[in-house]
Amino acid sequence: MTATAFTPRIFSGIQPSGGLTLGNYLGALKRFVEKQDEGIETIYCLVDLHAITVWQEPEKLRQQTREAAAAFMAAGIDPARSILFNQSQVSAHAELGWVLNCVARLGWMNRMTQFKDKAGRNAEQVSLGLYAYPSLMAADILLYHATQVPVGEDQKQHVELTRDIAAKFNHDYGVEFFPAPEPVIEGAATRVMSLRDGTRKMSKSDPSDASRINLTDDADTIAQKIRKARTDAEPLPETMEGLKDRPEARNLVNIYAALSGMTPEAVVGQFAGQGFGAFKPALADLAVAKLSPISAEMTRLMADPAGIDRILGEGAERAEAIARPILERTLDIVGMVRSRRG
């Protein structure tokens, strides 16, 4: 069997560890929705096991998981067309995660830049889970024999690790069982930057709420944050090359492009020579038009938490039907005795 023999399947996930932002929408949700129309099975997961690599208040985690599910659906994910579930309801993720912990090498994990960024100088005090979570992420992907993984640029390294783990497993056991998934990085704003600092990624953990647009923000808040976004005094140039050393300006142009479906080059062409006094109101109007319906739909969905839980449970059952046979075959390959009935 070769990699091309695997049935095309998309898998991706988001941590429900805080309110989702414009960055999550443009870098992930918008593209997840578009993938539903490509004729490939799509599986989307709220990775709550990853969320607890840092402390989470239990009731808040439940609330954030439901809010993230509402955001997926409000953005356009259809639970009838895609599988939408939370990771902890499919125990095969953790089971395969352990097997792959025994395949991954320490040297590979030590190269993961996100761990270094998150742990900082306090690496001895963080959880083992935070260190090892790229191996669980590999399990998330390989558990479904996913062939494509839509991710932001900052997650590309983890998909590359997944390919290394799959290749080593296949080599060690003399099989062609796991595919080599491809990272899918598309769009004008796959890495949305802070509205206060164009050199830093927009983050839900930033202490400044003005640095990001939350998917729960209302229309007035969205418009106000864009009007107050940091820029410079120069007008927009005629080409993107002119924004090379203007990170805040480049970020706003990329956001406009991603929301409008235009290329960044077309955006600067349209607004060339104009200052941000003209560009920001246009961007604010566009953002409100695209995002406020999502916020309103999230509010409607969150009024029925039992309905969200039912959808996640049904999605978990569908995910389990794919994952369990792949896990059991993995355990057979590894050499586990499989004699339990039922």
Protein backbone atom coordinates (compact mmCIF):
# COMPACT_ATOMS: atom_id res chain seq x y z
CA MET A 1 0.00 0.00 0.00
CA THR A 2 1.24 3.49 -0.78
CA ALA A 3 0.19 6.83 0.63
CA THR A 4 -1.91 7.50 -2.45
CA ALA A 5 -4.04 4.44 -1.61
CA PHE A 6 -5.45 6.05 1.53
CA THR A 7 -8.93 7.48 1.25
CA PRO A 8 -8.69 11.30 1.37
CA ARG A 9 -9.83 12.56 4.75
CA ILE A 10 -9.44 15.91 6.50
CA PHE A 11 -8.87 16.24 10.25
CA SER A 12 -8.20 19.34 12.29
CA GLY A 13 -8.89 20.63 15.75
CA ILE A 14 -8.92 23.68 18.00
CA GLN A 15 -8.30 23.91 21.73
CA PRO A 16 -11.35 25.06 23.70
CA SER A 17 -9.15 26.94 26.15
CA GLY A 18 -10.62 30.42 25.79
CA GLY A 19 -12.77 32.56 23.56
CA LEU A 20 -12.11 32.14 19.84
CA THR A 21 -10.87 35.15 17.89
CA LEU A 22 -10.78 36.56 14.39
CA GLY A 23 -7.46 34.74 14.07
CA ASN A 24 -9.16 31.41 14.74
CA TYR A 25 -11.89 32.26 12.25
CA LEU A 26 -9.62 33.31 9.37
CA GLY A 27 -6.83 30.86 10.15
CA ALA A 28 -9.07 27.86 10.75
CA LEU A 29 -12.88 28.02 10.89
CA LYS A 30 -13.41 29.80 7.57
CA ARG A 31 -11.24 27.26 5.81
CA PHE A 32 -12.85 24.35 7.65
CA VAL A 33 -16.21 25.46 6.29
CA GLU A 34 -14.85 25.72 2.75
CA LYS A 35 -13.42 22.19 2.98
CA GLN A 36 -16.93 20.79 3.39
CA ASP A 37 -17.53 21.56 -0.29
CA GLU A 38 -14.52 19.67 -1.64
CA GLY A 39 -16.07 16.20 -1.58
CA ILE A 40 -13.68 14.92 1.12
CA GLU A 41 -14.76 13.61 4.53
CA THR A 42 -14.15 16.30 7.15
CA ILE A 43 -13.58 15.62 10.87
CA TYR A 44 -13.29 18.55 13.28
CA CYS A 45 -12.38 18.12 16.92
CA LEU A 46 -12.41 20.29 20.02
CA VAL A 47 -9.21 19.04 21.63
CA ASP A 48 -10.11 19.32 25.30
CA LEU A 49 -7.42 16.82 26.32
CA HIS A 50 -4.86 19.24 24.90
CA ALA A 51 -6.49 22.10 26.79
CA ILE A 52 -5.65 20.56 30.19
CA THR A 53 -1.91 20.60 29.49
CA VAL A 54 -2.24 23.86 31.41
CA TRP A 55 -4.65 24.27 34.33
CA GLN A 56 -8.30 24.71 33.40
CA GLU A 57 -11.12 25.42 35.83
CA PRO A 58 -13.47 22.48 35.17
CA GLU A 59 -16.77 24.32 34.77
CA LYS A 60 -15.11 26.98 32.65
CA LEU A 61 -13.62 24.29 30.41
CA ARG A 62 -17.08 22.81 29.85
CA GLN A 63 -18.41 26.27 28.99
CA GLN A 64 -15.53 26.98 26.62
CA THR A 65 -15.96 23.62 24.88
CA ARG A 66 -19.62 24.38 24.21
CA GLU A 67 -18.75 27.91 23.10
CA ALA A 68 -16.15 26.59 20.66
CA ALA A 69 -18.68 24.11 19.27
CA ALA A 70 -21.15 26.98 18.85
CA ALA A 71 -18.47 28.96 17.01
CA PHE A 72 -17.83 26.08 14.60
CA MET A 73 -21.52 25.80 13.78
CA ALA A 74 -22.13 29.55 13.63
CA ALA A 75 -19.22 29.88 11.20
CA GLY A 76 -20.85 27.31 8.91
CA ILE A 77 -19.76 23.83 10.02
CA ASP A 78 -22.73 21.54 9.42
CA PRO A 79 -22.73 18.59 11.88
CA ALA A 80 -24.60 16.56 9.28
CA ARG A 81 -21.86 17.06 6.67
CA SER A 82 -18.84 17.09 8.98
CA ILE A 83 -18.06 15.15 12.13
CA LEU A 84 -17.88 17.60 15.04
CA PHE A 85 -17.00 16.29 18.51
CA ASN A 86 -14.84 16.86 21.56
CA GLN A 87 -11.74 14.74 21.87
CA SER A 88 -12.27 13.36 25.38
CA GLN A 89 -15.44 11.53 24.29
CA VAL A 90 -13.34 9.25 22.05
CA SER A 91 -10.89 7.44 24.33
CA ALA A 92 -8.96 6.05 21.36
CA HIS A 93 -7.17 9.43 21.12
CA ALA A 94 -5.46 8.88 24.47
CA GLU A 95 -4.84 5.20 23.80
CA LEU A 96 -3.12 5.80 20.48
CA GLY A 97 -1.35 8.77 22.06
CA TRP A 98 0.44 6.40 24.45
CA VAL A 99 1.50 4.06 21.65
CA LEU A 100 2.92 6.98 19.70
CA ASN A 101 4.68 8.28 22.83
CA CYS A 102 6.67 5.07 22.57
CA VAL A 103 7.46 5.72 18.90
CA ALA A 104 8.36 9.43 19.08
CA ARG A 105 11.95 10.27 20.06
CA LEU A 106 12.97 12.73 22.76
CA GLY A 107 15.14 14.60 20.28
CA TRP A 108 12.10 15.24 18.09
CA MET A 109 10.11 16.60 21.00
CA ASN A 110 12.99 18.85 22.08
CA ARG A 111 12.85 20.58 18.70
CA MET A 112 9.23 21.64 19.09
CA THR A 113 9.37 25.43 19.15
CA GLN A 114 5.87 25.89 20.59
CA PHE A 115 6.86 24.10 23.80
CA LYS A 116 9.82 26.43 24.19
CA ASP A 117 7.58 29.44 23.57
CA LYS A 118 4.91 28.33 26.06
CA ALA A 119 7.22 27.03 28.76
CA GLY A 120 9.71 29.88 28.59
CA ARG A 121 12.16 29.92 31.49
CA ASN A 122 9.81 27.83 33.61
CA ALA A 123 10.21 24.58 31.68
CA GLU A 124 10.90 22.50 34.81
CA GLN A 125 7.54 23.49 36.30
CA VAL A 126 5.19 22.87 33.37
CA SER A 127 3.21 19.66 32.95
CA LEU A 128 4.53 16.58 31.20
CA GLY A 129 1.43 16.87 29.03
CA LEU A 130 2.56 20.23 27.66
CA TYR A 131 5.86 18.68 26.66
CA ALA A 132 4.36 15.54 25.13
CA TYR A 133 1.24 17.01 23.52
CA PRO A 134 2.67 17.02 19.96
CA SER A 135 2.64 13.22 20.18
CA LEU A 136 -1.04 13.29 21.17
CA MET A 137 -1.65 15.66 18.27
CA ALA A 138 -0.07 13.07 15.99
CA ALA A 139 -2.45 10.49 17.44
CA ASP A 140 -5.42 12.80 16.80
CA ILE A 141 -4.50 12.91 13.12
CA LEU A 142 -3.34 9.32 12.54
CA LEU A 143 -6.29 7.82 14.45
CA TYR A 144 -8.47 8.72 11.44
CA HIS A 145 -5.86 8.01 8.76
CA ALA A 146 -6.21 11.68 7.88
CA THR A 147 -4.43 12.69 4.69
CA GLN A 148 -4.88 16.47 4.98
CA VAL A 149 -4.62 18.70 8.05
CA PRO A 150 -5.67 22.36 7.69
CA VAL A 151 -3.46 24.28 10.12
CA GLY A 152 -2.00 27.68 10.75
CA GLU A 153 1.65 28.29 9.88
CA ASP A 154 2.60 27.92 13.56
CA GLN A 155 1.29 24.32 13.63
CA LYS A 156 3.09 23.12 10.50
CA GLN A 157 5.98 21.74 12.58
CA HIS A 158 3.56 19.48 14.46
CA VAL A 159 2.20 17.98 11.25
CA GLU A 160 5.77 17.37 10.12
CA LEU A 161 6.36 15.56 13.44
CA THR A 162 3.24 13.49 12.75
CA ARG A 163 4.73 12.45 9.40
CA ASP A 164 7.97 11.45 11.15
CA ILE A 165 6.07 9.39 13.74
CA ALA A 166 3.97 7.68 11.05
CA ALA A 167 7.07 6.86 9.00
CA LYS A 168 8.93 5.44 12.01
CA PHE A 169 5.94 3.33 13.07
CA ASN A 170 5.58 1.95 9.54
CA HIS A 171 9.34 1.27 9.29
CA ASP A 172 9.68 -0.33 12.74
CA TYR A 173 6.76 -2.72 12.19
CA GLY A 174 7.28 -3.33 8.47
CA VAL A 175 3.87 -2.03 7.48
CA GLU A 176 2.35 0.77 5.41
CA PHE A 177 -0.40 1.40 7.90
CA PHE A 178 -0.33 5.11 8.66
CA PRO A 179 -0.44 7.72 5.89
CA ALA A 180 1.87 10.73 5.73
CA PRO A 181 -0.60 13.61 6.25
CA GLU A 182 -0.06 16.88 4.43
CA PRO A 183 -0.39 20.25 6.17
CA VAL A 184 -2.83 22.51 4.33
CA ILE A 185 -1.94 26.18 4.78
CA GLU A 186 -4.05 28.45 2.62
CA GLY A 187 -5.49 31.93 2.48
CA ALA A 188 -4.43 35.54 2.87
CA ALA A 189 -4.52 35.58 6.68
CA THR A 190 -3.45 32.13 7.86
CA ARG A 191 -1.54 33.91 10.65
CA VAL A 192 -3.51 36.90 11.93
CA MET A 193 -1.49 39.30 14.03
CA SER A 194 -2.35 41.41 17.06
CA LEU A 195 -4.20 44.67 16.46
CA ARG A 196 -1.76 46.32 18.89
CA ASP A 197 1.49 44.76 17.65
CA GLY A 198 1.81 43.52 14.09
CA THR A 199 4.82 41.35 14.97
CA ARG A 200 2.86 39.16 17.42
CA LYS A 201 0.16 36.63 16.67
CA MET A 202 -3.40 37.54 17.65
CA SER A 203 -4.02 35.53 20.80
CA LYS A 204 -6.90 34.86 23.14
CA SER A 205 -4.36 34.86 25.99
CA ASP A 206 -3.10 38.40 25.33
CA PRO A 207 -3.84 40.54 28.42
CA SER A 208 -5.18 43.33 26.17
CA ASP A 209 -8.66 42.67 24.84
CA ALA A 210 -8.02 45.46 22.31
CA SER A 211 -5.37 43.27 20.67
CA ARG A 212 -7.95 40.89 19.22
CA ILE A 213 -11.47 40.62 17.85
CA ASN A 214 -13.40 37.95 19.71
CA LEU A 215 -16.06 35.99 17.86
CA THR A 216 -18.41 36.96 20.69
CA ASP A 217 -17.83 40.73 20.17
CA ASP A 218 -20.85 42.71 19.02
CA ALA A 219 -20.85 45.01 16.01
CA ASP A 220 -19.95 48.17 17.93
CA THR A 221 -17.03 46.48 19.67
CA ILE A 222 -15.68 45.07 16.41
CA ALA A 223 -15.80 48.48 14.72
CA GLN A 224 -14.23 50.24 17.69
CA LYS A 225 -11.31 47.79 17.92
CA ILE A 226 -10.51 48.19 14.24
CA ARG A 227 -10.70 51.98 14.43
CA LYS A 228 -8.23 51.89 17.34
CA ALA A 229 -5.90 49.31 15.77
CA ARG A 230 -2.29 50.43 15.66
CA THR A 231 -1.11 51.64 12.25
CA ASP A 232 1.40 54.15 10.89
CA ALA A 233 1.14 57.57 9.28
CA GLU A 234 1.96 56.48 5.73
CA PRO A 235 -0.71 55.90 3.07
CA LEU A 236 -1.17 52.46 1.59
CA PRO A 237 1.29 51.68 -1.22
CA GLU A 238 0.48 50.32 -4.66
CA THR A 239 2.03 46.89 -4.02
CA MET A 240 2.45 44.51 -1.08
CA GLU A 241 6.20 44.98 -1.34
CA GLY A 242 5.66 48.46 0.04
CA LEU A 243 4.31 46.92 3.27
CA LYS A 244 7.41 44.82 3.87
CA ASP A 245 8.51 46.83 6.92
CA ARG A 246 5.03 47.91 8.05
CA PRO A 247 3.70 44.94 10.06
CA GLU A 248 0.55 46.61 11.41
CA ALA A 249 -0.48 47.90 8.00
CA ARG A 250 0.26 44.56 6.37
CA ASN A 251 -1.83 42.78 8.99
CA LEU A 252 -4.90 44.94 8.36
CA VAL A 253 -4.55 44.49 4.60
CA ASN A 254 -4.33 40.71 5.04
CA ILE A 255 -7.41 40.72 7.27
CA TYR A 256 -9.36 42.72 4.68
CA ALA A 257 -8.23 40.32 1.95
CA ALA A 258 -9.21 37.23 3.91
CA LEU A 259 -12.64 38.59 4.88
CA SER A 260 -13.42 39.83 1.36
CA GLY A 261 -12.02 36.91 -0.60
CA MET A 262 -9.67 39.27 -2.44
CA THR A 263 -5.91 38.89 -2.74
CA PRO A 264 -3.78 41.24 -0.64
CA GLU A 265 -2.43 42.68 -3.90
CA ALA A 266 -5.96 43.53 -5.03
CA VAL A 267 -6.68 45.23 -1.70
CA VAL A 268 -3.65 47.52 -1.86
CA GLY A 269 -4.48 48.22 -5.48
CA GLN A 270 -7.97 49.33 -4.48
CA PHE A 271 -6.81 51.54 -1.59
CA ALA A 272 -3.42 52.67 -2.96
CA GLY A 273 -2.57 56.21 -1.86
CA GLN A 274 -5.30 56.32 0.77
CA GLY A 275 -4.58 56.67 4.46
CA PHE A 276 -5.97 54.62 7.30
CA GLY A 277 -8.62 57.25 7.90
CA ALA A 278 -10.30 55.80 4.80
CA PHE A 279 -9.15 52.19 5.05
CA LYS A 280 -10.11 51.47 8.65
CA PRO A 281 -13.81 52.38 8.27
CA ALA A 282 -14.01 50.19 5.17
CA LEU A 283 -12.38 47.31 7.07
CA ALA A 284 -14.66 47.89 10.07
CA ASP A 285 -17.77 47.72 7.88
CA LEU A 286 -16.53 44.54 6.24
CA ALA A 287 -15.63 42.87 9.54
CA VAL A 288 -18.99 43.74 11.09
CA ALA A 289 -20.83 42.38 8.04
CA LYS A 290 -18.91 39.10 8.17
CA LEU A 291 -18.56 38.56 11.92
CA SER A 292 -21.63 39.97 13.66
CA PRO A 293 -23.94 37.26 12.20
CA ILE A 294 -21.56 34.65 13.65
CA SER A 295 -21.70 36.33 17.06
CA ALA A 296 -25.50 36.43 16.94
CA GLU A 297 -25.77 32.76 15.95
CA MET A 298 -23.34 31.76 18.71
CA THR A 299 -25.55 33.51 21.24
CA ARG A 300 -28.58 31.63 19.94
CA LEU A 301 -26.81 28.26 20.06
CA MET A 302 -25.36 28.85 23.53
CA ALA A 303 -28.88 29.36 24.88
CA ASP A 304 -29.34 25.59 24.41
CA PRO A 305 -26.28 23.87 25.95
CA ALA A 306 -28.05 20.51 25.98
CA GLY A 307 -28.49 20.79 22.21
CA ILE A 308 -24.76 21.44 21.78
CA ASP A 309 -23.93 18.48 24.02
CA ARG A 310 -26.20 16.24 21.96
CA ILE A 311 -24.46 17.27 18.72
CA LEU A 312 -21.02 16.66 20.24
CA GLY A 313 -22.12 13.27 21.52
CA GLU A 314 -23.50 12.22 18.13
CA GLY A 315 -20.30 13.42 16.49
CA ALA A 316 -18.23 11.41 18.97
CA GLU A 317 -20.17 8.25 18.08
CA ARG A 318 -19.44 8.80 14.39
CA ALA A 319 -15.78 9.53 15.14
CA GLU A 320 -15.52 6.43 17.32
CA ALA A 321 -16.80 4.27 14.46
CA ILE A 322 -13.80 5.35 12.36
CA ALA A 323 -11.21 5.51 15.12
CA ARG A 324 -11.79 2.27 17.02
CA PRO A 325 -10.95 -0.15 14.16
CA ILE A 326 -7.79 1.84 13.37
CA LEU A 327 -6.70 1.75 17.03
CA GLU A 328 -7.42 -1.98 17.30
CA ARG A 329 -5.41 -2.72 14.16
CA THR A 330 -2.58 -0.60 15.59
CA LEU A 331 -2.58 -2.68 18.78
CA ASP A 332 -2.55 -5.88 16.70
CA ILE A 333 0.46 -4.61 14.76
CA VAL A 334 2.30 -3.67 17.99
CA GLY A 335 1.73 -7.16 19.42
CA MET A 336 -0.93 -6.72 22.07
CA VAL A 337 -3.04 -9.74 23.02
CA ARG A 338 -6.57 -8.96 21.83
CA SER A 339 -8.81 -11.63 23.45
CA ARG A 340 -11.45 -9.57 25.27
CA ARG A 341 -15.01 -10.14 24.12
CA GLY A 342 -17.55 -7.35 23.66
